[in-house]
Amino acid sequence: LKYHSNQYEVVKTHEWPINFEEINKTSWLFTTFNPHQNQSSITDKALAAARYVQNYVDLMRRGYLLLTDYQRVFSLSDEELGYLLEYMRYWSILRQCCGVQMSSDWRAKLQNVTNRTWHHGGPTSIDYPACEMYDLDVVE
């Protein structure tokens, strides 16, 4: 995912290893790192090059509030951060419960698939999206 503005280009990736030749020297690299998975292709050079490394475990614990870290990265005012958090609070729910990024657990439940393995570890897991508790029309 690349975002261009008048000031910088942000590149967000989950793919490793990174082809540094494809990233402009003025680009900001954002990536996600999961300490519970073998990501041996992530090099110290790649982590050092990243403007922001999102830890998957922190994301599961903090949810959309992890975006408070962006205040420092993008020099956001408290008001700008408030707008970002307001938007992302609902987007996060919709992303996990609707459309192409829908949780595989929720999709299976909607399709009445009973013989499945929980992708998110089930309802007691910290990363379980709990889509059934939302009125998605209201969230939308």
C-alpha atoms as a PDB file:
ATOM      1  CA  LEU A   1       0.000   0.000   0.000  1.00  0.00           C
ATOM      2  CA  LYS A   2       1.463   3.361  -0.996  1.00  0.00           C
ATOM      3  CA  TYR A   3       0.152   6.750  -0.031  1.00  0.00           C
ATOM      4  CA  HIS A   4       1.464   9.900  -1.703  1.00  0.00           C
ATOM      5  CA  SER A   5       1.163  13.388  -0.333  1.00  0.00           C
ATOM      6  CA  ASN A   6       2.983  16.621  -0.981  1.00  0.00           C
ATOM      7  CA  GLN A   7       5.442  15.776   1.790  1.00  0.00           C
ATOM      8  CA  TYR A   8       6.138  12.064   1.795  1.00  0.00           C
ATOM      9  CA  GLU A   9       5.222   8.641   0.531  1.00  0.00           C
ATOM     10  CA  VAL A  10       4.193   5.964   3.032  1.00  0.00           C
ATOM     11  CA  VAL A  11       4.774   2.314   2.142  1.00  0.00           C
ATOM     12  CA  LYS A  12       3.019  -0.238   4.367  1.00  0.00           C
ATOM     13  CA  THR A  13       3.914  -3.864   3.909  1.00  0.00           C
ATOM     14  CA  HIS A  14       3.425  -7.256   5.506  1.00  0.00           C
ATOM     15  CA  GLU A  15       5.699  -8.851   2.916  1.00  0.00           C
ATOM     16  CA  TRP A  16       9.264  -9.820   3.723  1.00  0.00           C
ATOM     17  CA  PRO A  17      11.915  -9.560   2.530  1.00  0.00           C
ATOM     18  CA  ILE A  18      11.476  -6.006   1.363  1.00  0.00           C
ATOM     19  CA  ASN A  19      12.825  -4.976  -2.014  1.00  0.00           C
ATOM     20  CA  PHE A  20      14.498  -1.745  -0.939  1.00  0.00           C
ATOM     21  CA  GLU A  21      15.157  -0.805  -4.563  1.00  0.00           C
ATOM     22  CA  GLU A  22      11.400  -0.283  -5.045  1.00  0.00           C
ATOM     23  CA  ILE A  23      11.156   2.141  -2.146  1.00  0.00           C
ATOM     24  CA  ASN A  24      12.095   5.753  -2.726  1.00  0.00           C
ATOM     25  CA  LYS A  25      14.661   7.247  -0.390  1.00  0.00           C
ATOM     26  CA  THR A  26      12.016   9.774   0.686  1.00  0.00           C
ATOM     27  CA  SER A  27       9.468   7.063   1.487  1.00  0.00           C
ATOM     28  CA  TRP A  28       8.438   6.130   4.997  1.00  0.00           C
ATOM     29  CA  LEU A  29       8.284   2.367   5.514  1.00  0.00           C
ATOM     30  CA  PHE A  30       5.601   1.016   7.870  1.00  0.00           C
ATOM     31  CA  THR A  31       5.443  -2.689   8.623  1.00  0.00           C
ATOM     32  CA  THR A  32       3.932  -5.235  10.966  1.00  0.00           C
ATOM     33  CA  PHE A  33       6.008  -7.682  12.957  1.00  0.00           C
ATOM     34  CA  ASN A  34       4.641 -10.747  14.741  1.00  0.00           C
ATOM     35  CA  PRO A  35       7.102 -12.037  17.358  1.00  0.00           C
ATOM     36  CA  HIS A  36       5.208 -15.352  17.522  1.00  0.00           C
ATOM     37  CA  GLN A  37       5.880 -16.234  13.886  1.00  0.00           C
ATOM     38  CA  ASN A  38       9.119 -17.163  12.198  1.00  0.00           C
ATOM     39  CA  GLN A  39      10.012 -14.001  10.362  1.00  0.00           C
ATOM     40  CA  SER A  40      13.696 -14.711   9.944  1.00  0.00           C
ATOM     41  CA  SER A  41      13.669 -12.827   6.642  1.00  0.00           C
ATOM     42  CA  ILE A  42      13.194  -9.595   8.601  1.00  0.00           C
ATOM     43  CA  THR A  43      16.649  -8.200   8.869  1.00  0.00           C
ATOM     44  CA  ASP A  44      18.027  -5.637  11.277  1.00  0.00           C
ATOM     45  CA  LYS A  45      18.546  -3.430   8.211  1.00  0.00           C
ATOM     46  CA  ALA A  46      14.845  -3.652   7.358  1.00  0.00           C
ATOM     47  CA  LEU A  47      13.733  -2.877  10.906  1.00  0.00           C
ATOM     48  CA  ALA A  48      16.163   0.031  11.085  1.00  0.00           C
ATOM     49  CA  ALA A  49      14.803   1.390   7.781  1.00  0.00           C
ATOM     50  CA  ALA A  50      11.202   1.315   8.991  1.00  0.00           C
ATOM     51  CA  ARG A  51       9.703   4.573  10.212  1.00  0.00           C
ATOM     52  CA  TYR A  52       7.206   2.564  12.236  1.00  0.00           C
ATOM     53  CA  VAL A  53       7.087  -1.124  13.168  1.00  0.00           C
ATOM     54  CA  GLN A  54       3.692  -2.285  14.357  1.00  0.00           C
ATOM     55  CA  ASN A  55       3.934  -5.214  16.744  1.00  0.00           C
ATOM     56  CA  TYR A  56       1.055  -7.621  16.076  1.00  0.00           C
ATOM     57  CA  VAL A  57       0.732  -8.541  19.756  1.00  0.00           C
ATOM     58  CA  ASP A  58       0.461  -4.849  20.696  1.00  0.00           C
ATOM     59  CA  LEU A  59      -2.157  -4.390  17.973  1.00  0.00           C
ATOM     60  CA  MET A  60      -4.245  -7.216  19.424  1.00  0.00           C
ATOM     61  CA  ARG A  61      -3.955  -5.747  22.930  1.00  0.00           C
ATOM     62  CA  ARG A  62      -4.532  -2.113  22.044  1.00  0.00           C
ATOM     63  CA  GLY A  63      -6.719  -2.390  18.927  1.00  0.00           C
ATOM     64  CA  TYR A  64      -7.324   0.829  17.041  1.00  0.00           C
ATOM     65  CA  LEU A  65      -5.842   2.776  19.986  1.00  0.00           C
ATOM     66  CA  LEU A  66      -2.432   1.674  18.710  1.00  0.00           C
ATOM     67  CA  LEU A  67      -2.901   4.583  16.306  1.00  0.00           C
ATOM     68  CA  THR A  68      -2.056   6.948  19.153  1.00  0.00           C
ATOM     69  CA  ASP A  69       1.531   6.071  18.183  1.00  0.00           C
ATOM     70  CA  TYR A  70       0.897   7.877  14.893  1.00  0.00           C
ATOM     71  CA  GLN A  71       0.611  11.174  16.721  1.00  0.00           C
ATOM     72  CA  ARG A  72       4.369  11.143  17.258  1.00  0.00           C
ATOM     73  CA  VAL A  73       5.207   9.728  13.828  1.00  0.00           C
ATOM     74  CA  PHE A  74       3.121  12.260  11.865  1.00  0.00           C
ATOM     75  CA  SER A  75       3.303  15.144  14.368  1.00  0.00           C
ATOM     76  CA  LEU A  76      -0.477  15.158  14.744  1.00  0.00           C
ATOM     77  CA  SER A  77      -2.215  17.610  17.023  1.00  0.00           C
ATOM     78  CA  ASP A  78      -4.546  16.243  19.707  1.00  0.00           C
ATOM     79  CA  GLU A  79      -7.490  17.337  17.551  1.00  0.00           C
ATOM     80  CA  GLU A  80      -6.134  15.545  14.452  1.00  0.00           C
ATOM     81  CA  LEU A  81      -5.492  12.416  16.507  1.00  0.00           C
ATOM     82  CA  GLY A  82      -9.062  12.604  17.795  1.00  0.00           C
ATOM     83  CA  TYR A  83     -10.431  12.642  14.234  1.00  0.00           C
ATOM     84  CA  LEU A  84      -8.218   9.704  13.277  1.00  0.00           C
ATOM     85  CA  LEU A  85      -9.313   7.652  16.287  1.00  0.00           C
ATOM     86  CA  GLU A  86     -12.985   8.482  15.741  1.00  0.00           C
ATOM     87  CA  TYR A  87     -12.798   7.247  12.158  1.00  0.00           C
ATOM     88  CA  MET A  88     -10.687   4.167  12.852  1.00  0.00           C
ATOM     89  CA  ARG A  89     -12.831   3.014  15.786  1.00  0.00           C
ATOM     90  CA  TYR A  90     -15.640   2.145  13.381  1.00  0.00           C
ATOM     91  CA  TRP A  91     -13.499   1.256  10.378  1.00  0.00           C
ATOM     92  CA  SER A  92     -11.726  -1.388  12.436  1.00  0.00           C
ATOM     93  CA  ILE A  93     -15.029  -3.100  13.249  1.00  0.00           C
ATOM     94  CA  LEU A  94     -16.278  -2.899   9.663  1.00  0.00           C
ATOM     95  CA  ARG A  95     -12.974  -4.183   8.258  1.00  0.00           C
ATOM     96  CA  GLN A  96     -13.103  -7.300  10.424  1.00  0.00           C
ATOM     97  CA  CYS A  97     -16.840  -7.931  10.115  1.00  0.00           C
ATOM     98  CA  CYS A  98     -17.645  -7.015   6.470  1.00  0.00           C
ATOM     99  CA  GLY A  99     -16.167  -7.284   3.001  1.00  0.00           C
ATOM    100  CA  VAL A 100     -12.971  -8.829   1.705  1.00  0.00           C
ATOM    101  CA  GLN A 101     -11.042  -8.483   4.979  1.00  0.00           C
ATOM    102  CA  MET A 102     -13.819 -10.056   7.011  1.00  0.00           C
ATOM    103  CA  SER A 103     -12.641 -12.381   9.759  1.00  0.00           C
ATOM    104  CA  SER A 104     -12.588 -15.960   8.523  1.00  0.00           C
ATOM    105  CA  ASP A 105     -14.226 -16.971  11.820  1.00  0.00           C
ATOM    106  CA  TRP A 106     -17.121 -14.574  11.294  1.00  0.00           C
ATOM    107  CA  ARG A 107     -17.494 -15.608   7.640  1.00  0.00           C
ATOM    108  CA  ALA A 108     -17.653 -19.268   8.698  1.00  0.00           C
ATOM    109  CA  LYS A 109     -20.271 -18.451  11.325  1.00  0.00           C
ATOM    110  CA  LEU A 110     -22.405 -16.570   8.760  1.00  0.00           C
ATOM    111  CA  GLN A 111     -22.140 -19.540   6.401  1.00  0.00           C
ATOM    112  CA  ASN A 112     -23.026 -22.016   9.179  1.00  0.00           C
ATOM    113  CA  VAL A 113     -19.710 -23.849   8.850  1.00  0.00           C
ATOM    114  CA  THR A 114     -19.487 -25.997  11.956  1.00  0.00           C
ATOM    115  CA  ASN A 115     -16.413 -28.179  11.387  1.00  0.00           C
ATOM    116  CA  ARG A 116     -13.755 -25.504  11.454  1.00  0.00           C
ATOM    117  CA  THR A 117     -10.688 -24.551  13.394  1.00  0.00           C
ATOM    118  CA  TRP A 118     -10.834 -21.103  14.958  1.00  0.00           C
ATOM    119  CA  HIS A 119      -8.414 -18.792  13.180  1.00  0.00           C
ATOM    120  CA  HIS A 120      -8.446 -16.311  16.050  1.00  0.00           C
ATOM    121  CA  GLY A 121      -8.465 -18.851  18.842  1.00  0.00           C
ATOM    122  CA  GLY A 122     -12.160 -18.515  19.603  1.00  0.00           C
ATOM    123  CA  PRO A 123     -14.266 -16.086  21.613  1.00  0.00           C
ATOM    124  CA  THR A 124     -11.883 -16.008  24.583  1.00  0.00           C
ATOM    125  CA  SER A 125      -8.919 -14.953  22.439  1.00  0.00           C
ATOM    126  CA  ILE A 126      -7.692 -11.363  22.529  1.00  0.00           C
ATOM    127  CA  ASP A 127      -7.818 -11.103  18.719  1.00  0.00           C
ATOM    128  CA  TYR A 128     -11.335 -12.504  18.316  1.00  0.00           C
ATOM    129  CA  PRO A 129     -13.325  -9.809  16.421  1.00  0.00           C
ATOM    130  CA  ALA A 130     -16.685 -10.464  18.212  1.00  0.00           C
ATOM    131  CA  CYS A 131     -18.676  -9.363  15.155  1.00  0.00           C
ATOM    132  CA  GLU A 132     -21.871 -10.945  16.488  1.00  0.00           C
ATOM    133  CA  MET A 133     -22.127  -8.296  19.202  1.00  0.00           C
ATOM    134  CA  TYR A 134     -22.406  -5.368  16.750  1.00  0.00           C
ATOM    135  CA  ASP A 135     -25.358  -4.058  14.801  1.00  0.00           C
ATOM    136  CA  LEU A 136     -23.240  -3.548  11.695  1.00  0.00           C
ATOM    137  CA  ASP A 137     -25.854  -1.337  10.003  1.00  0.00           C
ATOM    138  CA  VAL A 138     -25.570   1.077  12.921  1.00  0.00           C
ATOM    139  CA  VAL A 139     -21.758   0.923  12.947  1.00  0.00           C
ATOM    140  CA  GLU A 140     -21.732   1.630   9.222  1.00  0.00           C
END
